[in-house]
Structures are given as structure tokens and as C-alpha cells.
Amino acid sequence: MQWQRIATSRDLAAGGVLGVEIGDLEIVLWRSSSGELRACDARCPHQWAHLGAVGAVDGEELVCLSHFWRFDSSGAGSKLAMNGRRDEKSPITTHPVRERDGGIEILIAGED
């Protein structure tokens, strides 16, 4: 496996979401409100909405605006009920990501 550069650091500000493609794989890069860089599959596991188009950062979570499923930095899924209860939902696959020399790099399992 090798790290692959997929964007520049300036392409993604805090609170930003960026969809990228690596071969047949659709990835979403997002930066939490505190500036932490994250990468996950681009398709919401609920109804397959593309998080590059309908994803928004809320604090330290990525939210699918189609049905308001939320994903934390580990990929755990949840939805907030109207009464504030957090219900567990399907997780999303996350990918190792890092910043180096002004670029964003990703490590995809199975890539050589």
C-alpha cells in the first residue's frame, strides 16, 4: 500500500467537504470544525446519497442532509431523534488520511 496524493490542503477549509474519485472508488474528504482531516466512502449507507453533494460538517461529525444520518471520525453512524436521543445507524467505511508538504494523501486498503 502507498499513500496517494489526492488534493491540496488549501482545497479543504475547516467545515469543508470535498468529493474525490480514486479509480472506481468514491471518497469524501472532510475537515471537522476543529480542523481535523477525515476521509470516508462517499456514499451514505442509508440510501446511497453522495456525501460530496449532500454532506455537511456539524462540529466533529459529517451529516448526510438527505435524511440526517451522522458519522463521526471513526465512521460510527447515528441519527438524532427529535427528543435529542441518539439512535445508532449503519457505519461508514473510513480511510487513513494525512497532510504532507501542503497536500492531502490517502491510504486505500488493497491498493498496491
PDB file of N, CA and C in Angstrom:
ATOM      1  N   MET A   1       0.845  -1.180   0.000  1.00  0.00           N
ATOM      2  CA  MET A   1       0.000   0.000   0.000  1.00  0.00           C
ATOM      3  C   MET A   1       0.887   1.239   0.000  1.00  0.00           C
ATOM      4  N   GLN A   2       0.449   2.247  -0.716  1.00  0.00           N
ATOM      5  CA  GLN A   2       1.174   3.508  -0.777  1.00  0.00           C
ATOM      6  C   GLN A   2       0.216   4.658  -0.527  1.00  0.00           C
ATOM      7  N   TRP A   3       0.760   5.713   0.073  1.00  0.00           N
ATOM      8  CA  TRP A   3      -0.014   6.934   0.223  1.00  0.00           C
ATOM      9  C   TRP A   3      -0.150   7.580  -1.147  1.00  0.00           C
ATOM     10  N   GLN A   4      -1.351   8.067  -1.446  1.00  0.00           N
ATOM     11  CA  GLN A   4      -1.632   8.680  -2.734  1.00  0.00           C
ATOM     12  C   GLN A   4      -2.131  10.111  -2.507  1.00  0.00           C
ATOM     13  N   ARG A   5      -1.484  11.063  -3.154  1.00  0.00           N
ATOM     14  CA  ARG A   5      -1.915  12.463  -3.029  1.00  0.00           C
ATOM     15  C   ARG A   5      -3.179  12.665  -3.847  1.00  0.00           C
ATOM     16  N   ILE A   6      -4.210  13.248  -3.202  1.00  0.00           N
ATOM     17  CA  ILE A   6      -5.494  13.403  -3.886  1.00  0.00           C
ATOM     18  C   ILE A   6      -6.021  14.834  -3.900  1.00  0.00           C
ATOM     19  N   ALA A   7      -5.411  15.713  -3.120  1.00  0.00           N
ATOM     20  CA  ALA A   7      -5.851  17.105  -3.075  1.00  0.00           C
ATOM     21  C   ALA A   7      -4.755  17.938  -2.406  1.00  0.00           C
ATOM     22  N   THR A   8      -4.944  19.234  -2.402  1.00  0.00           N
ATOM     23  CA  THR A   8      -4.043  20.094  -1.656  1.00  0.00           C
ATOM     24  C   THR A   8      -4.721  20.512  -0.357  1.00  0.00           C
ATOM     25  N   SER A   9      -3.952  20.849   0.623  1.00  0.00           N
ATOM     26  CA  SER A   9      -4.504  21.256   1.918  1.00  0.00           C
ATOM     27  C   SER A   9      -5.407  22.474   1.784  1.00  0.00           C
ATOM     28  N   ARG A  10      -5.061  23.370   0.880  1.00  0.00           N
ATOM     29  CA  ARG A  10      -5.880  24.577   0.732  1.00  0.00           C
ATOM     30  C   ARG A  10      -7.227  24.292   0.054  1.00  0.00           C
ATOM     31  N   ASP A  11      -7.408  23.098  -0.504  1.00  0.00           N
ATOM     32  CA  ASP A  11      -8.691  22.729  -1.115  1.00  0.00           C
ATOM     33  C   ASP A  11      -9.785  22.477  -0.077  1.00  0.00           C
ATOM     34  N   LEU A  12      -9.410  22.367   1.205  1.00  0.00           N
ATOM     35  CA  LEU A  12     -10.376  21.933   2.217  1.00  0.00           C
ATOM     36  C   LEU A  12     -10.202  22.718   3.511  1.00  0.00           C
ATOM     37  N   ALA A  13     -11.032  23.722   3.700  1.00  0.00           N
ATOM     38  CA  ALA A  13     -11.014  24.533   4.921  1.00  0.00           C
ATOM     39  C   ALA A  13     -11.776  23.811   6.029  1.00  0.00           C
ATOM     40  N   ALA A  14     -11.629  24.277   7.262  1.00  0.00           N
ATOM     41  CA  ALA A  14     -12.401  23.727   8.385  1.00  0.00           C
ATOM     42  C   ALA A  14     -13.884  23.813   8.059  1.00  0.00           C
ATOM     43  N   GLY A  15     -14.599  22.710   8.282  1.00  0.00           N
ATOM     44  CA  GLY A  15     -16.022  22.645   7.968  1.00  0.00           C
ATOM     45  C   GLY A  15     -16.318  22.300   6.524  1.00  0.00           C
ATOM     46  N   GLY A  16     -15.286  22.045   5.730  1.00  0.00           N
ATOM     47  CA  GLY A  16     -15.468  21.769   4.313  1.00  0.00           C
ATOM     48  C   GLY A  16     -15.622  20.290   3.991  1.00  0.00           C
ATOM     49  N   VAL A  17     -16.228  20.025   2.849  1.00  0.00           N
ATOM     50  CA  VAL A  17     -16.442  18.673   2.329  1.00  0.00           C
ATOM     51  C   VAL A  17     -16.010  18.671   0.873  1.00  0.00           C
ATOM     52  N   LEU A  18     -15.263  17.625   0.471  1.00  0.00           N
ATOM     53  CA  LEU A  18     -14.757  17.544  -0.891  1.00  0.00           C
ATOM     54  C   LEU A  18     -14.858  16.105  -1.385  1.00  0.00           C
ATOM     55  N   GLY A  19     -15.574  15.893  -2.482  1.00  0.00           N
ATOM     56  CA  GLY A  19     -15.660  14.577  -3.099  1.00  0.00           C
ATOM     57  C   GLY A  19     -14.514  14.366  -4.065  1.00  0.00           C
ATOM     58  N   VAL A  20     -13.893  13.182  -4.024  1.00  0.00           N
ATOM     59  CA  VAL A  20     -12.817  12.833  -4.943  1.00  0.00           C
ATOM     60  C   VAL A  20     -13.013  11.399  -5.415  1.00  0.00           C
ATOM     61  N   GLU A  21     -12.462  11.098  -6.572  1.00  0.00           N
ATOM     62  CA  GLU A  21     -12.508   9.732  -7.096  1.00  0.00           C
ATOM     63  C   GLU A  21     -11.100   9.210  -7.242  1.00  0.00           C
ATOM     64  N   ILE A  22     -10.914   7.956  -6.826  1.00  0.00           N
ATOM     65  CA  ILE A  22      -9.644   7.261  -6.987  1.00  0.00           C
ATOM     66  C   ILE A  22      -9.972   5.970  -7.722  1.00  0.00           C
ATOM     67  N   GLY A  23      -9.758   5.959  -9.022  1.00  0.00           N
ATOM     68  CA  GLY A  23     -10.188   4.815  -9.823  1.00  0.00           C
ATOM     69  C   GLY A  23     -11.699   4.693  -9.731  1.00  0.00           C
ATOM     70  N   ASP A  24     -12.180   3.529  -9.300  1.00  0.00           N
ATOM     71  CA  ASP A  24     -13.616   3.302  -9.153  1.00  0.00           C
ATOM     72  C   ASP A  24     -14.140   3.669  -7.764  1.00  0.00           C
ATOM     73  N   LEU A  25     -13.267   4.096  -6.892  1.00  0.00           N
ATOM     74  CA  LEU A  25     -13.636   4.387  -5.511  1.00  0.00           C
ATOM     75  C   LEU A  25     -14.007   5.863  -5.345  1.00  0.00           C
ATOM     76  N   GLU A  26     -15.189   6.097  -4.759  1.00  0.00           N
ATOM     77  CA  GLU A  26     -15.634   7.453  -4.461  1.00  0.00           C
ATOM     78  C   GLU A  26     -15.358   7.736  -2.988  1.00  0.00           C
ATOM     79  N   ILE A  27     -14.645   8.826  -2.736  1.00  0.00           N
ATOM     80  CA  ILE A  27     -14.215   9.191  -1.390  1.00  0.00           C
ATOM     81  C   ILE A  27     -14.716  10.597  -1.082  1.00  0.00           C
ATOM     82  N   VAL A  28     -14.987  10.847   0.180  1.00  0.00           N
ATOM     83  CA  VAL A  28     -15.268  12.193   0.642  1.00  0.00           C
ATOM     84  C   VAL A  28     -14.203  12.569   1.663  1.00  0.00           C
ATOM     85  N   LEU A  29     -13.570  13.702   1.430  1.00  0.00           N
ATOM     86  CA  LEU A  29     -12.673  14.288   2.418  1.00  0.00           C
ATOM     87  C   LEU A  29     -13.486  15.330   3.167  1.00  0.00           C
ATOM     88  N   TRP A  30     -13.297  15.406   4.459  1.00  0.00           N
ATOM     89  CA  TRP A  30     -13.968  16.450   5.225  1.00  0.00           C
ATOM     90  C   TRP A  30     -13.092  16.878   6.379  1.00  0.00           C
ATOM     91  N   ARG A  31     -13.269  18.122   6.758  1.00  0.00           N
ATOM     92  CA  ARG A  31     -12.490  18.678   7.852  1.00  0.00           C
ATOM     93  C   ARG A  31     -13.477  19.142   8.919  1.00  0.00           C
ATOM     94  N   SER A  32     -13.308  18.599  10.124  1.00  0.00           N
ATOM     95  CA  SER A  32     -14.208  18.953  11.224  1.00  0.00           C
ATOM     96  C   SER A  32     -14.080  20.433  11.556  1.00  0.00           C
ATOM     97  N   SER A  33     -14.989  20.914  12.368  1.00  0.00           N
ATOM     98  CA  SER A  33     -14.955  22.323  12.766  1.00  0.00           C
ATOM     99  C   SER A  33     -13.660  22.677  13.490  1.00  0.00           C
ATOM    100  N   SER A  34     -13.070  21.689  14.185  1.00  0.00           N
ATOM    101  CA  SER A  34     -11.808  21.932  14.881  1.00  0.00           C
ATOM    102  C   SER A  34     -10.603  21.787  13.954  1.00  0.00           C
ATOM    103  N   GLY A  35     -10.840  21.413  12.673  1.00  0.00           N
ATOM    104  CA  GLY A  35      -9.768  21.333  11.692  1.00  0.00           C
ATOM    105  C   GLY A  35      -9.211  19.947  11.446  1.00  0.00           C
ATOM    106  N   GLU A  36      -9.765  18.913  12.107  1.00  0.00           N
ATOM    107  CA  GLU A  36      -9.286  17.546  11.902  1.00  0.00           C
ATOM    108  C   GLU A  36      -9.685  17.043  10.520  1.00  0.00           C
ATOM    109  N   LEU A  37      -8.719  16.481   9.787  1.00  0.00           N
ATOM    110  CA  LEU A  37      -8.940  15.954   8.450  1.00  0.00           C
ATOM    111  C   LEU A  37      -9.433  14.514   8.535  1.00  0.00           C
ATOM    112  N   ARG A  38     -10.452  14.176   7.751  1.00  0.00           N
ATOM    113  CA  ARG A  38     -11.033  12.833   7.733  1.00  0.00           C
ATOM    114  C   ARG A  38     -11.325  12.418   6.295  1.00  0.00           C
ATOM    115  N   ALA A  39     -11.407  11.093   6.069  1.00  0.00           N
ATOM    116  CA  ALA A  39     -11.779  10.559   4.755  1.00  0.00           C
ATOM    117  C   ALA A  39     -12.689   9.355   4.971  1.00  0.00           C
ATOM    118  N   CYS A  40     -13.727   9.248   4.148  1.00  0.00           N
ATOM    119  CA  CYS A  40     -14.643   8.103   4.230  1.00  0.00           C
ATOM    120  C   CYS A  40     -15.224   7.838   2.846  1.00  0.00           C
ATOM    121  N   ASP A  41     -15.912   6.703   2.722  1.00  0.00           N
ATOM    122  CA  ASP A  41     -16.610   6.417   1.473  1.00  0.00           C
ATOM    123  C   ASP A  41     -17.599   7.552   1.209  1.00  0.00           C
ATOM    124  N   ALA A  42     -17.832   7.845  -0.051  1.00  0.00           N
ATOM    125  CA  ALA A  42     -18.670   8.986  -0.413  1.00  0.00           C
ATOM    126  C   ALA A  42     -20.161   8.690  -0.355  1.00  0.00           C
ATOM    127  N   ARG A  43     -20.548   7.438  -0.283  1.00  0.00           N
ATOM    128  CA  ARG A  43     -21.974   7.103  -0.324  1.00  0.00           C
ATOM    129  C   ARG A  43     -22.512   6.809   1.067  1.00  0.00           C
ATOM    130  N   CYS A  44     -23.569   7.516   1.435  1.00  0.00           N
ATOM    131  CA  CYS A  44     -24.234   7.270   2.708  1.00  0.00           C
ATOM    132  C   CYS A  44     -24.823   5.859   2.677  1.00  0.00           C
ATOM    133  N   PRO A  45     -24.611   5.056   3.716  1.00  0.00           N
ATOM    134  CA  PRO A  45     -25.125   3.685   3.695  1.00  0.00           C
ATOM    135  C   PRO A  45     -26.651   3.593   3.785  1.00  0.00           C
ATOM    136  N   HIS A  46     -27.328   4.693   4.059  1.00  0.00           N
ATOM    137  CA  HIS A  46     -28.785   4.663   4.177  1.00  0.00           C
ATOM    138  C   HIS A  46     -29.456   4.525   2.818  1.00  0.00           C
ATOM    139  N   GLN A  47     -29.318   5.528   1.974  1.00  0.00           N
ATOM    140  CA  GLN A  47     -29.940   5.446   0.649  1.00  0.00           C
ATOM    141  C   GLN A  47     -28.988   5.879  -0.459  1.00  0.00           C
ATOM    142  N   TRP A  48     -27.696   5.758  -0.174  1.00  0.00           N
ATOM    143  CA  TRP A  48     -26.639   5.903  -1.164  1.00  0.00           C
ATOM    144  C   TRP A  48     -26.444   7.328  -1.676  1.00  0.00           C
ATOM    145  N   ALA A  49     -26.920   8.324  -0.961  1.00  0.00           N
ATOM    146  CA  ALA A  49     -26.696   9.720  -1.362  1.00  0.00           C
ATOM    147  C   ALA A  49     -25.198  10.002  -1.355  1.00  0.00           C
ATOM    148  N   HIS A  50     -24.750  10.838  -2.266  1.00  0.00           N
ATOM    149  CA  HIS A  50     -23.330  11.171  -2.367  1.00  0.00           C
ATOM    150  C   HIS A  50     -23.017  12.300  -1.386  1.00  0.00           C
ATOM    151  N   LEU A  51     -22.166  12.002  -0.410  1.00  0.00           N
ATOM    152  CA  LEU A  51     -21.855  12.959   0.646  1.00  0.00           C
ATOM    153  C   LEU A  51     -21.024  14.142   0.144  1.00  0.00           C
ATOM    154  N   GLY A  52     -20.427  14.016  -1.025  1.00  0.00           N
ATOM    155  CA  GLY A  52     -19.751  15.164  -1.620  1.00  0.00           C
ATOM    156  C   GLY A  52     -20.743  16.228  -2.055  1.00  0.00           C
ATOM    157  N   ALA A  53     -21.979  15.814  -2.350  1.00  0.00           N
ATOM    158  CA  ALA A  53     -23.026  16.735  -2.783  1.00  0.00           C
ATOM    159  C   ALA A  53     -23.968  17.118  -1.643  1.00  0.00           C
ATOM    160  N   VAL A  54     -24.302  16.161  -0.767  1.00  0.00           N
ATOM    161  CA  VAL A  54     -25.293  16.425   0.291  1.00  0.00           C
ATOM    162  C   VAL A  54     -24.727  16.232   1.695  1.00  0.00           C
ATOM    163  N   GLY A  55     -23.410  16.275   1.821  1.00  0.00           N
ATOM    164  CA  GLY A  55     -22.787  16.165   3.137  1.00  0.00           C
ATOM    165  C   GLY A  55     -22.442  17.535   3.688  1.00  0.00           C
ATOM    166  N   ALA A  56     -22.576  17.694   5.001  1.00  0.00           N
ATOM    167  CA  ALA A  56     -22.233  18.947   5.674  1.00  0.00           C
ATOM    168  C   ALA A  56     -21.594  18.612   7.010  1.00  0.00           C
ATOM    169  N   VAL A  57     -20.638  19.421   7.403  1.00  0.00           N
ATOM    170  CA  VAL A  57     -19.972  19.221   8.688  1.00  0.00           C
ATOM    171  C   VAL A  57     -20.758  19.931   9.776  1.00  0.00           C
ATOM    172  N   ASP A  58     -20.992  19.206  10.865  1.00  0.00           N
ATOM    173  CA  ASP A  58     -21.614  19.774  12.055  1.00  0.00           C
ATOM    174  C   ASP A  58     -20.704  19.450  13.230  1.00  0.00           C
ATOM    175  N   GLY A  59     -19.884  20.392  13.607  1.00  0.00           N
ATOM    176  CA  GLY A  59     -18.929  20.166  14.692  1.00  0.00           C
ATOM    177  C   GLY A  59     -17.883  19.146  14.290  1.00  0.00           C
ATOM    178  N   GLU A  60     -17.926  17.979  14.937  1.00  0.00           N
ATOM    179  CA  GLU A  60     -16.952  16.914  14.679  1.00  0.00           C
ATOM    180  C   GLU A  60     -17.585  15.743  13.926  1.00  0.00           C
ATOM    181  N   GLU A  61     -18.725  15.986  13.274  1.00  0.00           N
ATOM    182  CA  GLU A  61     -19.425  14.935  12.529  1.00  0.00           C
ATOM    183  C   GLU A  61     -19.747  15.395  11.114  1.00  0.00           C
ATOM    184  N   LEU A  62     -19.839  14.411  10.222  1.00  0.00           N
ATOM    185  CA  LEU A  62     -20.305  14.636   8.858  1.00  0.00           C
ATOM    186  C   LEU A  62     -21.764  14.213   8.808  1.00  0.00           C
ATOM    187  N   VAL A  63     -22.627  15.077   8.305  1.00  0.00           N
ATOM    188  CA  VAL A  63     -24.068  14.826   8.281  1.00  0.00           C
ATOM    189  C   VAL A  63     -24.537  14.696   6.842  1.00  0.00           C
ATOM    190  N   CYS A  64     -25.301  13.644   6.559  1.00  0.00           N
ATOM    191  CA  CYS A  64     -25.955  13.492   5.263  1.00  0.00           C
ATOM    192  C   CYS A  64     -27.259  14.286   5.325  1.00  0.00           C
ATOM    193  N   LEU A  65     -27.359  15.320   4.520  1.00  0.00           N
ATOM    194  CA  LEU A  65     -28.537  16.183   4.578  1.00  0.00           C
ATOM    195  C   LEU A  65     -29.776  15.567   3.938  1.00  0.00           C
ATOM    196  N   SER A  66     -29.644  14.391   3.312  1.00  0.00           N
ATOM    197  CA  SER A  66     -30.819  13.722   2.747  1.00  0.00           C
ATOM    198  C   SER A  66     -31.768  13.244   3.843  1.00  0.00           C
ATOM    199  N   HIS A  67     -31.221  12.585   4.868  1.00  0.00           N
ATOM    200  CA  HIS A  67     -32.054  12.054   5.957  1.00  0.00           C
ATOM    201  C   HIS A  67     -31.416  12.245   7.323  1.00  0.00           C
ATOM    202  N   PHE A  68     -30.378  13.051   7.382  1.00  0.00           N
ATOM    203  CA  PHE A  68     -29.740  13.490   8.622  1.00  0.00           C
ATOM    204  C   PHE A  68     -29.036  12.397   9.416  1.00  0.00           C
ATOM    205  N   TRP A  69     -28.540  11.383   8.702  1.00  0.00           N
ATOM    206  CA  TRP A  69     -27.630  10.445   9.358  1.00  0.00           C
ATOM    207  C   TRP A  69     -26.326  11.180   9.604  1.00  0.00           C
ATOM    208  N   ARG A  70     -25.651  10.834  10.702  1.00  0.00           N
ATOM    209  CA  ARG A  70     -24.418  11.500  11.115  1.00  0.00           C
ATOM    210  C   ARG A  70     -23.310  10.466  11.247  1.00  0.00           C
ATOM    211  N   PHE A  71     -22.085  10.864  10.926  1.00  0.00           N
ATOM    212  CA  PHE A  71     -20.936   9.962  11.022  1.00  0.00           C
ATOM    213  C   PHE A  71     -19.818  10.673  11.764  1.00  0.00           C
ATOM    214  N   ASP A  72     -19.259   9.986  12.761  1.00  0.00           N
ATOM    215  CA  ASP A  72     -18.148  10.587  13.499  1.00  0.00           C
ATOM    216  C   ASP A  72     -16.829  10.221  12.833  1.00  0.00           C
ATOM    217  N   SER A  73     -15.731  10.616  13.439  1.00  0.00           N
ATOM    218  CA  SER A  73     -14.425  10.407  12.825  1.00  0.00           C
ATOM    219  C   SER A  73     -14.050   8.940  12.678  1.00  0.00           C
ATOM    220  N   SER A  74     -14.663   8.061  13.482  1.00  0.00           N
ATOM    221  CA  SER A  74     -14.383   6.629  13.373  1.00  0.00           C
ATOM    222  C   SER A  74     -15.303   5.939  12.371  1.00  0.00           C
ATOM    223  N   GLY A  75     -16.296   6.663  11.840  1.00  0.00           N
ATOM    224  CA  GLY A  75     -17.252   6.092  10.898  1.00  0.00           C
ATOM    225  C   GLY A  75     -18.536   5.616  11.546  1.00  0.00           C
ATOM    226  N   ALA A  76     -18.648   5.693  12.868  1.00  0.00           N
ATOM    227  CA  ALA A  76     -19.880   5.265  13.546  1.00  0.00           C
ATOM    228  C   ALA A  76     -21.035   6.139  13.077  1.00  0.00           C
ATOM    229  N   GLY A  77     -22.165   5.493  12.781  1.00  0.00           N
ATOM    230  CA  GLY A  77     -23.338   6.203  12.285  1.00  0.00           C
ATOM    231  C   GLY A  77     -24.388   6.372  13.359  1.00  0.00           C
ATOM    232  N   SER A  78     -25.110   7.475  13.286  1.00  0.00           N
ATOM    233  CA  SER A  78     -26.203   7.719  14.230  1.00  0.00           C
ATOM    234  C   SER A  78     -27.164   8.728  13.623  1.00  0.00           C
ATOM    235  N   LYS A  79     -28.290   8.885  14.304  1.00  0.00           N
ATOM    236  CA  LYS A  79     -29.265   9.908  13.935  1.00  0.00           C
ATOM    237  C   LYS A  79     -29.836  10.467  15.224  1.00  0.00           C
ATOM    238  N   LEU A  80     -29.962  11.775  15.273  1.00  0.00           N
ATOM    239  CA  LEU A  80     -30.535  12.404  16.450  1.00  0.00           C
ATOM    240  C   LEU A  80     -32.049  12.444  16.310  1.00  0.00           C
ATOM    241  N   ALA A  81     -32.749  11.895  17.307  1.00  0.00           N
ATOM    242  CA  ALA A  81     -34.205  11.949  17.326  1.00  0.00           C
ATOM    243  C   ALA A  81     -34.651  13.353  17.741  1.00  0.00           C
ATOM    244  N   MET A  82     -35.887  13.670  17.511  1.00  0.00           N
ATOM    245  CA  MET A  82     -36.394  14.994  17.845  1.00  0.00           C
ATOM    246  C   MET A  82     -36.260  15.306  19.333  1.00  0.00           C
ATOM    247  N   ASN A  83     -36.297  14.268  20.169  1.00  0.00           N
ATOM    248  CA  ASN A  83     -36.185  14.482  21.616  1.00  0.00           C
ATOM    249  C   ASN A  83     -34.728  14.515  22.087  1.00  0.00           C
ATOM    250  N   GLY A  84     -33.780  14.458  21.134  1.00  0.00           N
ATOM    251  CA  GLY A  84     -32.366  14.522  21.476  1.00  0.00           C
ATOM    252  C   GLY A  84     -31.687  13.173  21.640  1.00  0.00           C
ATOM    253  N   ARG A  85     -32.471  12.099  21.618  1.00  0.00           N
ATOM    254  CA  ARG A  85     -31.899  10.755  21.726  1.00  0.00           C
ATOM    255  C   ARG A  85     -31.062  10.468  20.481  1.00  0.00           C
ATOM    256  N   ARG A  86     -29.926   9.819  20.667  1.00  0.00           N
ATOM    257  CA  ARG A  86     -29.057   9.454  19.545  1.00  0.00           C
ATOM    258  C   ARG A  86     -29.272   7.971  19.246  1.00  0.00           C
ATOM    259  N   ASP A  87     -29.796   7.673  18.063  1.00  0.00           N
ATOM    260  CA  ASP A  87     -30.044   6.293  17.650  1.00  0.00           C
ATOM    261  C   ASP A  87     -28.903   5.806  16.769  1.00  0.00           C
ATOM    262  N   GLU A  88     -28.406   4.609  17.044  1.00  0.00           N
ATOM    263  CA  GLU A  88     -27.325   4.022  16.258  1.00  0.00           C
ATOM    264  C   GLU A  88     -27.819   3.677  14.858  1.00  0.00           C
ATOM    265  N   LYS A  89     -26.992   3.966  13.868  1.00  0.00           N
ATOM    266  CA  LYS A  89     -27.264   3.648  12.466  1.00  0.00           C
ATOM    267  C   LYS A  89     -26.054   2.928  11.883  1.00  0.00           C
ATOM    268  N   SER A  90     -26.151   2.513  10.644  1.00  0.00           N
ATOM    269  CA  SER A  90     -25.045   1.804   9.991  1.00  0.00           C
ATOM    270  C   SER A  90     -23.809   2.682   9.925  1.00  0.00           C
ATOM    271  N   PRO A  91     -22.627   2.073  10.064  1.00  0.00           N
ATOM    272  CA  PRO A  91     -21.383   2.838   9.967  1.00  0.00           C
ATOM    273  C   PRO A  91     -21.000   3.087   8.509  1.00  0.00           C
ATOM    274  N   ILE A  92     -20.015   3.945   8.328  1.00  0.00           N
ATOM    275  CA  ILE A  92     -19.459   4.210   7.011  1.00  0.00           C
ATOM    276  C   ILE A  92     -17.972   3.847   7.066  1.00  0.00           C
ATOM    277  N   THR A  93     -17.435   3.371   5.964  1.00  0.00           N
ATOM    278  CA  THR A  93     -16.025   2.995   5.920  1.00  0.00           C
ATOM    279  C   THR A  93     -15.153   4.252   5.898  1.00  0.00           C
ATOM    280  N   THR A  94     -14.168   4.289   6.782  1.00  0.00           N
ATOM    281  CA  THR A  94     -13.220   5.399   6.820  1.00  0.00           C
ATOM    282  C   THR A  94     -11.885   4.945   6.239  1.00  0.00           C
ATOM    283  N   HIS A  95     -11.062   5.908   5.873  1.00  0.00           N
ATOM    284  CA  HIS A  95      -9.765   5.630   5.269  1.00  0.00           C
ATOM    285  C   HIS A  95      -8.696   6.480   5.948  1.00  0.00           C
ATOM    286  N   PRO A  96      -7.488   5.921   6.124  1.00  0.00           N
ATOM    287  CA  PRO A  96      -6.391   6.717   6.678  1.00  0.00           C
ATOM    288  C   PRO A  96      -6.080   7.893   5.749  1.00  0.00           C
ATOM    289  N   VAL A  97      -5.912   9.070   6.345  1.00  0.00           N
ATOM    290  CA  VAL A  97      -5.644  10.277   5.570  1.00  0.00           C
ATOM    291  C   VAL A  97      -4.649  11.129   6.361  1.00  0.00           C
ATOM    292  N   ARG A  98      -3.811  11.851   5.625  1.00  0.00           N
ATOM    293  CA  ARG A  98      -2.827  12.705   6.283  1.00  0.00           C
ATOM    294  C   ARG A  98      -2.508  13.895   5.384  1.00  0.00           C
ATOM    295  N   GLU A  99      -1.886  14.892   6.003  1.00  0.00           N
ATOM    296  CA  GLU A  99      -1.402  16.052   5.259  1.00  0.00           C
ATOM    297  C   GLU A  99       0.112  16.042   5.280  1.00  0.00           C
ATOM    298  N   ARG A 100       0.687  16.273   4.105  1.00  0.00           N
ATOM    299  CA  ARG A 100       2.140  16.301   3.963  1.00  0.00           C
ATOM    300  C   ARG A 100       2.530  17.280   2.885  1.00  0.00           C
ATOM    301  N   ASP A 101       3.458  18.153   3.202  1.00  0.00           N
ATOM    302  CA  ASP A 101       4.004  19.093   2.220  1.00  0.00           C
ATOM    303  C   ASP A 101       2.910  19.838   1.455  1.00  0.00           C
ATOM    304  N   GLY A 102       1.874  20.277   2.172  1.00  0.00           N
ATOM    305  CA  GLY A 102       0.806  21.047   1.551  1.00  0.00           C
ATOM    306  C   GLY A 102      -0.205  20.223   0.779  1.00  0.00           C
ATOM    307  N   GLY A 103      -0.114  18.900   0.877  1.00  0.00           N
ATOM    308  CA  GLY A 103      -1.043  18.034   0.167  1.00  0.00           C
ATOM    309  C   GLY A 103      -1.803  17.121   1.103  1.00  0.00           C
ATOM    310  N   ILE A 104      -2.898  16.589   0.616  1.00  0.00           N
ATOM    311  CA  ILE A 104      -3.702  15.599   1.340  1.00  0.00           C
ATOM    312  C   ILE A 104      -3.464  14.257   0.678  1.00  0.00           C
ATOM    313  N   GLU A 105      -3.076  13.277   1.489  1.00  0.00           N
ATOM    314  CA  GLU A 105      -2.792  11.931   0.999  1.00  0.00           C
ATOM    315  C   GLU A 105      -3.709  10.933   1.683  1.00  0.00           C
ATOM    316  N   ILE A 106      -4.034   9.878   0.954  1.00  0.00           N
ATOM    317  CA  ILE A 106      -4.922   8.838   1.464  1.00  0.00           C
ATOM    318  C   ILE A 106      -4.277   7.473   1.248  1.00  0.00           C
ATOM    319  N   LEU A 107      -4.558   6.558   2.146  1.00  0.00           N
ATOM    320  CA  LEU A 107      -4.083   5.186   2.057  1.00  0.00           C
ATOM    321  C   LEU A 107      -5.309   4.302   1.899  1.00  0.00           C
ATOM    322  N   ILE A 108      -5.427   3.643   0.761  1.00  0.00           N
ATOM    323  CA  ILE A 108      -6.586   2.807   0.476  1.00  0.00           C
ATOM    324  C   ILE A 108      -6.194   1.343   0.637  1.00  0.00           C
ATOM    325  N   ALA A 109      -6.913   0.617   1.476  1.00  0.00           N
ATOM    326  CA  ALA A 109      -6.655  -0.803   1.673  1.00  0.00           C
ATOM    327  C   ALA A 109      -6.810  -1.545   0.351  1.00  0.00           C
ATOM    328  N   GLY A 110      -5.863  -2.451   0.085  1.00  0.00           N
ATOM    329  CA  GLY A 110      -5.931  -3.244  -1.143  1.00  0.00           C
ATOM    330  C   GLY A 110      -5.230  -2.597  -2.318  1.00  0.00           C
ATOM    331  N   GLU A 111      -4.836  -1.325  -2.176  1.00  0.00           N
ATOM    332  CA  GLU A 111      -4.108  -0.647  -3.258  1.00  0.00           C
ATOM    333  C   GLU A 111      -2.632  -0.966  -3.119  1.00  0.00           C
ATOM    334  N   ASP A 112      -1.962  -1.258  -4.206  1.00  0.00           N
ATOM    335  CA  ASP A 112      -0.507  -1.501  -4.197  1.00  0.00           C
ATOM    336  C   ASP A 112       0.200  -0.449  -4.999  1.00  0.00           C
TER     337      ASP A 112
END
